[in-house]
Amino acid sequence: MDRMSFQDKRVVIMGLGRFGGGLDSALFAAKAGAKVLVTDLGSEAELEDTICRLKDYDIEYRLGEHCEDDFRHAQVLIVNPAVPPDNQFVQISHKAGALVTSQMELFFQLCPARTIGITGANGKSTTTSLTAHLLKSGCGQQGIGYGNVWMGGNIGHQPLLDIVGQIRKEDLVVLEISNFQLEQLAQIQAAPDIALITNLTANHLDRHGTFEAYCRAKEGIFQYQQTGAGTLAVSIFNAEDSIIRAWYQKYLNDTGRKCLAFSADDVPDEYKQAFRLPGRANLSNLAAALAVVSCFDIEPSQIATAIGTFEGLPNRCQFVAETNGVRWYDDSKATTPVSTIAALSGIDEPKILIAGGYDKQISFAELGAYIAQRAKAVVLIGQTAPKISEAIKSAGASDCEIRYADSMEQAVNISCELAACGDVVLMSPACASYDMFKNYAERAQAFINAVKTLQSS
């Protein structure tokens, strides 16, 4: 299959959205000379930014609804990962004889390079980004065994099809792959050359029904690896997860497969000291990335240097600065209590938490109990400050000090007063930003600016 296969074909893109590969698929099909129809339940206003990026191409739109005739007359249907395989409109195209595919399926059929695929319930994005970062440290090294390093897939919903023409056979592609995308790859029995899973916890049960079914979808990343003559699949497992450890034993003796296992305890002290991300969960992510890197002959000194320059993903427990022995982290994308609990659980050091924001009428009971147990102090901002305070107090006796601030700058200054050398200040709001900021990115920038002001004072 190549771009020419799409020329003059009636291609329907189901699910444009802002994410999920719809934009990438539409660009690919339009540039290939297809007759493209995008159909999405969202309105034109909701999809305005994405549609604007397609304005230079002759694309037809069906917005706010799906029409059966569009699917009945499609020759190719490219489906967003969020659409379940048994969707009624997908079935119409199947029955009409259309090629039903996806962004990830097409990429695997077109990509000439070796692929590294990373999946799991948590830590996928950080592990994917860190793996690519470490592998790039080897680019240009004599005899390293690969050319350029590309990163894409589910991480930030990066383009795949629009860049596939630039990828060479000697390159490496590091992909974050969701369980929905693994389901799609299973339809063509495809999987990455090097496959890794970070962990397994109950997730997406609304789609899969049971935890067991969710696990089966994840296992596809190993099940469909090519292990025939002349190929060597590498399968990498988290030794600290009981289900994944059992998978390691299951695949260990497969001919044509190399199995590796990783644990946070495996990370050498030299690398731990260079690593800026906090907590055991991030050490596990580093151990996973190092397991991939071990498949290539990169000098340890280069790896250590690269680890020291990795700052994490934007607004997701991202290291910002260190002032007087205090480390500051931006987790502005944590807009729910569950996200903030996950961030707190990943940090072992004493913590000062900055939290609060727009009131979405969500319970803070569990978060309050967690703060009471895990935080040295909390600085509360925004509409939800009183509710979070009450949840902390309702959790019972606690040494957590509660303070309030009227602005992000004030919250940072109060946190600085409360923090001692060796502490961590984490801005993880557990709320949306709309009461004080335009969005989470603006909130993050206010935090970063305030911390930088501390550094310069």
Protein backbone atom coordinates (compact mmCIF):
# COMPACT_ATOMS: atom_id res chain seq x y z
CA MET A 1 0.00 0.00 0.00
CA ASP A 2 1.17 3.54 -0.78
CA ARG A 3 -0.25 7.02 -1.28
CA MET A 4 -1.14 6.23 -4.89
CA SER A 5 -3.64 3.62 -3.64
CA PHE A 6 -5.82 6.51 -2.43
CA GLN A 7 -5.84 8.60 -5.59
CA ASP A 8 -9.41 9.34 -6.73
CA LYS A 9 -10.82 7.02 -4.06
CA ARG A 10 -13.83 8.06 -1.97
CA VAL A 11 -12.22 8.26 1.49
CA VAL A 12 -14.32 8.91 4.58
CA ILE A 13 -12.60 10.05 7.77
CA MET A 14 -14.76 9.10 10.76
CA GLY A 15 -13.95 11.30 13.73
CA LEU A 16 -11.91 14.42 13.06
CA GLY A 17 -11.88 15.82 16.57
CA ARG A 18 -8.90 17.71 17.84
CA PHE A 19 -6.98 14.49 18.49
CA GLY A 20 -6.90 10.80 17.66
CA GLY A 21 -5.38 10.96 14.18
CA GLY A 22 -8.34 12.37 12.25
CA LEU A 23 -6.46 15.49 11.18
CA ASP A 24 -3.41 13.43 10.20
CA SER A 25 -5.54 10.97 8.21
CA ALA A 26 -7.41 13.77 6.43
CA LEU A 27 -4.15 15.46 5.42
CA PHE A 28 -2.72 12.16 4.19
CA ALA A 29 -5.76 11.29 2.09
CA ALA A 30 -6.14 14.79 0.65
CA LYS A 31 -2.46 14.99 -0.32
CA ALA A 32 -2.78 11.54 -1.93
CA GLY A 33 -5.47 12.88 -4.27
CA ALA A 34 -8.46 11.18 -2.65
CA LYS A 35 -11.99 12.53 -2.59
CA VAL A 36 -12.19 13.18 1.14
CA LEU A 37 -15.26 13.44 3.33
CA VAL A 38 -14.83 14.14 7.05
CA THR A 39 -17.76 13.14 9.25
CA ASP A 40 -17.89 14.08 12.93
CA LEU A 41 -20.62 14.48 15.54
CA GLY A 42 -18.98 17.71 16.70
CA SER A 43 -20.14 21.08 15.42
CA GLU A 44 -18.20 23.41 13.14
CA ALA A 45 -17.59 25.72 16.10
CA GLU A 46 -16.18 22.88 18.21
CA LEU A 47 -13.87 21.76 15.39
CA GLU A 48 -12.96 25.22 14.11
CA ASP A 49 -9.23 25.03 14.92
CA THR A 50 -8.77 21.65 13.23
CA ILE A 51 -10.84 22.58 10.17
CA CYS A 52 -8.75 25.72 9.80
CA ARG A 53 -5.65 23.56 9.43
CA LEU A 54 -7.32 21.77 6.50
CA LYS A 55 -8.52 24.93 4.71
CA ASP A 56 -6.06 24.57 1.82
CA TYR A 57 -7.45 21.17 0.79
CA ASP A 58 -10.59 20.19 -1.09
CA ILE A 59 -12.40 18.38 1.72
CA GLU A 60 -16.13 17.87 2.22
CA TYR A 61 -17.55 17.97 5.77
CA ARG A 62 -20.52 16.32 7.46
CA LEU A 63 -20.66 17.83 10.97
CA GLY A 64 -23.04 17.39 13.88
CA GLU A 65 -24.25 14.03 12.55
CA HIS A 66 -23.33 10.85 10.67
CA CYS A 67 -25.21 9.89 7.49
CA GLU A 68 -25.58 6.22 6.52
CA ASP A 69 -25.14 6.95 2.80
CA ASP A 70 -21.66 8.41 3.41
CA PHE A 71 -20.54 5.10 4.89
CA ARG A 72 -22.37 3.02 2.31
CA HIS A 73 -20.57 4.77 -0.56
CA ALA A 74 -17.12 4.96 1.01
CA GLN A 75 -14.34 3.04 -0.71
CA VAL A 76 -11.99 3.61 2.24
CA LEU A 77 -13.07 4.36 5.79
CA ILE A 78 -10.39 5.65 8.19
CA VAL A 79 -11.69 5.31 11.74
CA ASN A 80 -10.71 7.32 14.80
CA PRO A 81 -9.42 5.05 17.63
CA ALA A 82 -12.21 6.23 19.94
CA VAL A 83 -14.82 4.59 17.66
CA PRO A 84 -15.54 0.99 18.76
CA PRO A 85 -15.25 -1.71 16.09
CA ASP A 86 -18.94 -2.66 16.41
CA ASN A 87 -20.14 0.88 15.66
CA GLN A 88 -23.21 0.75 13.41
CA PHE A 89 -21.74 3.09 10.79
CA VAL A 90 -18.45 1.17 10.64
CA GLN A 91 -20.49 -1.99 10.04
CA ILE A 92 -22.30 -0.32 7.12
CA SER A 93 -18.95 0.32 5.39
CA HIS A 94 -17.81 -3.24 6.13
CA LYS A 95 -20.96 -4.70 4.54
CA ALA A 96 -20.58 -2.42 1.53
CA GLY A 97 -17.08 -3.81 0.90
CA ALA A 98 -15.05 -0.74 1.86
CA LEU A 99 -11.52 -0.96 3.18
CA VAL A 100 -11.95 -0.12 6.88
CA THR A 101 -8.66 1.01 8.40
CA SER A 102 -7.08 3.49 10.80
CA GLN A 103 -4.20 5.93 11.08
CA MET A 104 -2.08 3.42 13.03
CA GLU A 105 -2.80 0.52 10.65
CA LEU A 106 -1.85 2.61 7.63
CA PHE A 107 1.32 3.82 9.32
CA PHE A 108 2.48 0.29 10.12
CA GLN A 109 1.85 -0.74 6.51
CA LEU A 110 3.77 2.26 5.12
CA CYS A 111 6.62 2.80 7.60
CA PRO A 112 9.98 1.43 6.36
CA ALA A 113 11.79 1.84 9.71
CA ARG A 114 11.97 -0.27 12.87
CA THR A 115 9.30 0.60 15.39
CA ILE A 116 9.36 0.79 19.18
CA GLY A 117 5.88 0.65 20.70
CA ILE A 118 5.03 1.59 24.28
CA THR A 119 1.69 0.93 25.95
CA GLY A 120 0.30 0.57 29.48
CA ALA A 121 -2.21 2.09 31.86
CA ASN A 122 0.11 4.77 33.27
CA GLY A 123 3.43 6.29 32.31
CA LYS A 124 3.11 5.70 28.56
CA SER A 125 3.73 9.28 27.49
CA THR A 126 6.66 9.89 29.83
CA THR A 127 8.28 6.57 28.91
CA THR A 128 7.78 7.21 25.19
CA SER A 129 9.22 10.71 25.38
CA LEU A 130 12.12 9.60 27.59
CA THR A 131 12.93 6.64 25.33
CA ALA A 132 13.08 8.87 22.24
CA HIS A 133 15.18 11.42 24.16
CA LEU A 134 17.73 8.81 25.22
CA LEU A 135 17.90 7.20 21.78
CA LYS A 136 18.53 10.60 20.18
CA SER A 137 21.67 10.84 22.32
CA GLY A 138 23.10 8.04 20.18
CA CYS A 139 22.33 9.66 16.81
CA GLY A 140 25.51 10.18 14.86
CA GLN A 141 27.52 7.76 17.01
CA GLN A 142 29.61 5.47 14.81
CA GLY A 143 28.15 1.97 14.50
CA ILE A 144 25.09 2.71 16.65
CA GLY A 145 22.78 0.92 14.21
CA TYR A 146 20.18 3.56 13.41
CA GLY A 147 19.74 6.96 11.80
CA ASN A 148 17.19 9.52 12.93
CA VAL A 149 14.75 8.97 15.81
CA TRP A 150 11.10 9.90 15.29
CA MET A 151 8.38 10.04 17.95
CA GLY A 152 4.61 9.90 17.51
CA GLY A 153 1.41 7.99 18.03
CA ASN A 154 -0.89 8.65 20.92
CA ILE A 155 1.56 11.00 22.66
CA GLY A 156 0.22 14.48 22.12
CA HIS A 157 -1.48 12.93 19.08
CA GLN A 158 1.50 13.62 16.86
CA PRO A 159 1.24 13.16 13.08
CA LEU A 160 2.28 9.82 11.65
CA LEU A 161 0.97 9.56 8.09
CA ASP A 162 1.97 13.12 7.23
CA ILE A 163 5.63 12.37 8.07
CA VAL A 164 5.93 8.77 6.90
CA GLY A 165 7.43 9.86 3.57
CA GLN A 166 10.37 11.42 5.44
CA ILE A 167 11.20 8.28 7.43
CA ARG A 168 14.07 6.12 6.15
CA LYS A 169 14.66 2.40 6.57
CA GLU A 170 17.64 2.99 8.90
CA ASP A 171 15.64 5.23 11.27
CA LEU A 172 13.79 4.37 14.48
CA VAL A 173 10.20 5.34 15.31
CA VAL A 174 9.13 5.48 18.97
CA LEU A 175 5.36 5.24 19.36
CA GLU A 176 2.95 5.58 22.25
CA ILE A 177 0.16 3.13 21.42
CA SER A 178 -3.20 3.18 23.20
CA ASN A 179 -5.32 0.09 23.80
CA PHE A 180 -7.77 1.36 21.15
CA GLN A 181 -4.93 1.59 18.63
CA LEU A 182 -3.75 -1.89 19.61
CA GLU A 183 -7.24 -3.18 18.83
CA GLN A 184 -6.93 -1.63 15.39
CA LEU A 185 -3.46 -3.12 14.81
CA ALA A 186 -4.79 -6.53 15.84
CA GLN A 187 -7.08 -6.42 12.80
CA ILE A 188 -4.01 -6.65 10.55
CA GLN A 189 -1.99 -8.68 13.11
CA ALA A 190 0.68 -5.99 13.35
CA ALA A 191 2.86 -4.98 16.30
CA PRO A 192 6.08 -3.01 16.85
CA ASP A 193 9.52 -4.59 16.47
CA ILE A 194 10.35 -3.63 20.07
CA ALA A 195 7.30 -3.72 22.35
CA LEU A 196 7.04 -2.52 25.96
CA ILE A 197 4.26 -2.33 28.54
CA THR A 198 4.55 -0.06 31.57
CA ASN A 199 1.81 -1.49 33.84
CA LEU A 200 -1.82 -2.62 34.01
CA THR A 201 -4.65 -1.14 36.08
CA ALA A 202 -8.39 -1.17 35.39
CA ASN A 203 -9.11 1.35 32.64
CA HIS A 204 -11.53 1.94 29.77
CA LEU A 205 -13.97 -0.62 31.12
CA ASP A 206 -16.78 1.31 29.42
CA ARG A 207 -15.26 0.09 26.13
CA HIS A 208 -13.89 -3.33 27.10
CA GLY A 209 -16.46 -4.41 29.68
CA THR A 210 -14.03 -6.27 31.93
CA PHE A 211 -10.48 -5.84 33.15
CA GLU A 212 -9.62 -9.17 31.52
CA ALA A 213 -10.78 -7.90 28.12
CA TYR A 214 -8.75 -4.72 28.60
CA CYS A 215 -5.66 -6.82 29.38
CA ARG A 216 -6.24 -8.93 26.25
CA ALA A 217 -6.23 -5.77 24.14
CA LYS A 218 -2.95 -4.69 25.71
CA GLU A 219 -1.34 -8.09 25.19
CA GLY A 220 -1.72 -7.65 21.45
CA ILE A 221 1.45 -5.55 21.50
CA PHE A 222 3.37 -8.82 22.11
CA GLN A 223 1.00 -11.37 20.56
CA TYR A 224 1.34 -10.01 17.03
CA GLN A 225 5.08 -9.30 16.98
CA GLN A 226 6.82 -10.94 14.03
CA THR A 227 8.99 -13.82 15.27
CA GLY A 228 9.59 -15.75 12.05
CA ALA A 229 12.87 -16.67 10.39
CA GLY A 230 15.24 -13.72 10.01
CA THR A 231 13.43 -11.50 12.52
CA LEU A 232 14.00 -10.90 16.22
CA ALA A 233 11.20 -9.34 18.20
CA VAL A 234 12.08 -7.69 21.51
CA SER A 235 9.41 -7.83 24.23
CA ILE A 236 9.90 -5.78 27.40
CA PHE A 237 7.88 -6.37 30.58
CA ASN A 238 7.44 -4.64 33.95
CA ALA A 239 8.71 -7.14 36.53
CA GLU A 240 6.82 -5.34 39.31
CA ASP A 241 3.37 -5.98 37.81
CA SER A 242 2.08 -9.49 38.58
CA ILE A 243 0.05 -9.89 35.37
CA ILE A 244 2.83 -8.57 33.17
CA ARG A 245 5.39 -10.73 35.00
CA ALA A 246 3.26 -13.77 34.08
CA TRP A 247 3.31 -12.62 30.45
CA TYR A 248 7.11 -12.47 30.63
CA GLN A 249 7.21 -16.12 31.67
CA LYS A 250 4.69 -17.01 28.97
CA TYR A 251 6.74 -15.50 26.12
CA LEU A 252 10.23 -16.14 27.51
CA ASN A 253 10.94 -19.28 25.49
CA ASP A 254 9.44 -18.14 22.18
CA THR A 255 11.74 -18.74 19.23
CA GLY A 256 12.59 -15.49 17.48
CA ARG A 257 11.79 -13.35 20.52
CA LYS A 258 14.06 -11.68 23.08
CA CYS A 259 12.36 -10.98 26.42
CA LEU A 260 13.55 -8.34 28.87
CA ALA A 261 12.16 -7.31 32.25
CA PHE A 262 12.62 -4.01 34.10
CA SER A 263 12.14 -2.67 37.61
CA ALA A 264 12.65 0.72 39.25
CA ASP A 265 15.27 -0.99 41.42
CA ASP A 266 17.38 -1.68 38.33
CA VAL A 267 18.29 1.97 37.68
CA PRO A 268 22.00 2.55 38.43
CA ASP A 269 22.85 5.22 41.02
CA GLU A 270 24.63 7.31 38.39
CA TYR A 271 21.41 7.58 36.40
CA LYS A 272 19.23 8.16 39.47
CA GLN A 273 21.36 11.13 40.48
CA ALA A 274 21.03 12.68 37.02
CA PHE A 275 17.26 12.12 36.77
CA ARG A 276 15.07 15.13 37.52
CA LEU A 277 11.62 13.54 37.66
CA PRO A 278 10.39 12.67 41.16
CA GLY A 279 9.09 9.43 42.65
CA ARG A 280 9.32 5.69 42.15
CA ALA A 281 6.77 5.72 39.31
CA ASN A 282 9.10 7.89 37.26
CA LEU A 283 12.06 5.68 38.17
CA SER A 284 10.05 2.80 36.71
CA ASN A 285 9.54 4.86 33.54
CA LEU A 286 13.29 5.45 33.39
CA ALA A 287 13.99 1.74 33.91
CA ALA A 288 11.62 0.97 31.02
CA ALA A 289 13.35 3.45 28.72
CA LEU A 290 16.75 2.07 29.69
CA ALA A 291 15.57 -1.44 28.81
CA VAL A 292 14.82 -0.23 25.27
CA VAL A 293 18.13 1.64 25.05
CA SER A 294 19.98 -1.52 26.13
CA CYS A 295 19.13 -2.95 22.70
CA PHE A 296 21.56 -0.43 21.17
CA ASP A 297 25.23 0.30 21.84
CA ILE A 298 24.98 3.80 23.26
CA GLU A 299 27.81 4.90 25.54
CA PRO A 300 26.75 5.06 29.24
CA SER A 301 28.20 8.56 29.55
CA GLN A 302 25.94 9.75 26.71
CA ILE A 303 22.93 8.14 28.38
CA ALA A 304 23.72 9.83 31.72
CA THR A 305 24.06 13.20 30.04
CA ALA A 306 20.75 12.73 28.22
CA ILE A 307 18.96 11.68 31.43
CA GLY A 308 20.14 14.89 33.08
CA THR A 309 18.61 17.02 30.33
CA PHE A 310 15.19 15.34 30.32
CA GLU A 311 12.63 17.66 31.93
CA GLY A 312 9.46 15.66 31.44
CA LEU A 313 6.37 16.51 29.43
CA PRO A 314 4.88 20.01 29.38
CA ASN A 315 2.53 20.68 32.31
CA ARG A 316 2.64 17.05 33.46
CA CYS A 317 4.78 16.85 36.61
CA GLN A 318 7.35 18.78 34.60
CA PHE A 319 10.48 19.95 36.38
CA VAL A 320 10.65 23.75 36.31
CA ALA A 321 13.56 24.79 38.51
CA GLU A 322 15.49 24.22 41.73
CA THR A 323 15.86 27.07 44.20
CA ASN A 324 17.86 26.70 47.40
CA GLY A 325 17.48 22.92 47.30
CA VAL A 326 13.71 23.06 46.63
CA ARG A 327 12.43 21.47 43.41
CA TRP A 328 9.42 23.01 41.64
CA TYR A 329 7.09 20.97 39.38
CA ASP A 330 4.33 22.07 37.02
CA ASP A 331 1.37 19.67 36.80
CA SER A 332 -1.19 22.14 35.45
CA LYS A 333 -2.81 19.45 33.28
CA ALA A 334 -4.06 17.78 36.46
CA THR A 335 -7.63 19.07 36.28
CA THR A 336 -9.26 16.32 38.37
CA PRO A 337 -8.69 15.08 41.93
CA VAL A 338 -7.61 11.66 40.59
CA SER A 339 -4.82 13.27 38.54
CA THR A 340 -3.51 15.20 41.54
CA ILE A 341 -3.61 12.08 43.72
CA ALA A 342 -1.48 10.29 41.10
CA ALA A 343 1.01 13.16 41.09
CA LEU A 344 1.26 13.22 44.89
CA SER A 345 1.77 9.45 45.04
CA GLY A 346 4.70 9.71 42.62
CA ILE A 347 6.73 12.04 44.85
CA ASP A 348 8.57 10.67 47.87
CA GLU A 349 10.01 13.95 49.20
CA PRO A 350 8.11 16.32 51.56
CA LYS A 351 5.56 18.17 49.46
CA ILE A 352 3.98 21.61 49.36
CA LEU A 353 0.96 21.42 47.07
CA ILE A 354 -0.60 24.33 45.17
CA ALA A 355 -4.19 23.36 44.32
CA GLY A 356 -7.61 24.74 43.54
CA GLY A 357 -9.43 26.40 40.67
CA TYR A 358 -12.73 26.37 38.81
CA ASP A 359 -15.55 24.54 40.59
CA LYS A 360 -16.88 21.63 38.49
CA GLN A 361 -18.94 20.35 41.42
CA ILE A 362 -16.62 17.36 41.95
CA SER A 363 -16.10 15.78 45.36
CA PHE A 364 -12.73 16.45 46.99
CA ALA A 365 -13.18 13.91 49.80
CA GLU A 366 -10.59 11.42 48.55
CA LEU A 367 -8.15 14.15 47.56
CA GLY A 368 -8.55 15.84 50.96
CA ALA A 369 -7.66 12.61 52.75
CA TYR A 370 -4.66 12.12 50.48
CA ILE A 371 -3.39 15.67 51.05
CA ALA A 372 -3.83 15.24 54.80
CA GLN A 373 -1.65 12.11 54.71
CA ARG A 374 0.91 13.01 52.06
CA ALA A 375 1.48 16.79 52.01
CA LYS A 376 3.55 18.93 54.35
CA ALA A 377 1.48 21.98 53.39
CA VAL A 378 -1.08 23.08 50.81
CA VAL A 379 -1.61 26.52 49.30
CA LEU A 380 -5.15 26.85 47.95
CA ILE A 381 -6.34 29.16 45.17
CA GLY A 382 -9.52 29.75 43.20
CA GLN A 383 -13.20 28.94 43.67
CA THR A 384 -12.60 25.50 45.16
CA ALA A 385 -10.18 26.59 47.91
CA PRO A 386 -12.83 26.40 50.69
CA LYS A 387 -14.08 22.98 49.52
CA ILE A 388 -10.60 21.46 49.38
CA SER A 389 -9.77 22.94 52.79
CA GLU A 390 -12.90 21.43 54.28
CA ALA A 391 -12.10 18.03 52.73
CA ILE A 392 -8.62 18.09 54.30
CA LYS A 393 -10.00 19.01 57.72
CA SER A 394 -12.70 16.33 57.46
CA ALA A 395 -10.01 13.70 56.94
CA GLY A 396 -9.06 14.01 60.61
CA ALA A 397 -5.87 14.85 62.47
CA SER A 398 -3.11 16.02 60.12
CA ASP A 399 0.13 17.99 60.29
CA CYS A 400 -0.62 19.51 56.86
CA GLU A 401 -0.60 23.31 57.05
CA ILE A 402 -3.34 25.02 55.00
CA ARG A 403 -2.73 28.46 53.48
CA TYR A 404 -4.63 30.57 50.92
CA ALA A 405 -3.53 32.78 48.03
CA ASP A 406 -5.30 35.24 45.74
CA SER A 407 -2.98 34.75 42.77
CA MET A 408 -0.48 32.26 41.42
CA GLU A 409 2.38 34.62 42.20
CA GLN A 410 1.24 34.84 45.82
CA ALA A 411 0.84 31.04 45.98
CA VAL A 412 4.43 30.58 44.78
CA ASN A 413 5.75 33.11 47.30
CA ILE A 414 3.89 31.43 50.19
CA SER A 415 5.17 28.02 49.05
CA CYS A 416 8.70 29.39 49.04
CA GLU A 417 8.24 30.51 52.67
CA LEU A 418 6.97 27.06 53.67
CA ALA A 419 9.55 24.96 51.80
CA ALA A 420 12.87 23.76 53.19
CA CYS A 421 15.88 22.32 51.38
CA GLY A 422 14.95 18.87 50.03
CA ASP A 423 11.24 19.67 49.68
CA VAL A 424 9.18 19.62 46.48
CA VAL A 425 6.62 22.26 45.51
CA LEU A 426 4.01 20.72 43.21
CA MET A 427 1.45 22.84 41.36
CA SER A 428 -1.23 20.22 40.67
CA PRO A 429 -4.60 22.00 40.88
CA ALA A 430 -7.10 19.08 40.68
CA CYS A 431 -9.43 21.60 39.00
CA ALA A 432 -9.99 23.36 35.71
CA SER A 433 -8.48 26.82 35.31
CA TYR A 434 -11.39 28.90 34.06
CA ASP A 435 -11.99 30.92 37.22
CA MET A 436 -8.55 32.59 37.08
CA PHE A 437 -7.01 31.66 33.72
CA LYS A 438 -7.98 31.14 30.09
CA ASN A 439 -6.74 27.55 30.15
CA TYR A 440 -4.33 25.17 31.89
CA ALA A 441 -1.42 26.37 29.72
CA GLU A 442 -1.86 29.98 30.83
CA ARG A 443 -2.03 28.78 34.46
CA ALA A 444 1.19 26.82 33.95
CA GLN A 445 2.95 29.84 32.49
CA ALA A 446 1.89 31.99 35.46
CA PHE A 447 3.42 29.39 37.77
CA ILE A 448 6.62 29.13 35.75
CA ASN A 449 7.00 32.92 35.57
CA ALA A 450 6.57 33.24 39.34
CA VAL A 451 9.18 30.54 39.98
CA LYS A 452 11.63 32.17 37.56
CA THR A 453 11.13 35.47 39.42
CA LEU A 454 12.13 33.69 42.63
CA GLN A 455 15.30 32.43 40.94
CA SER A 456 16.32 35.91 39.85
CA SER A 457 15.59 37.62 43.17
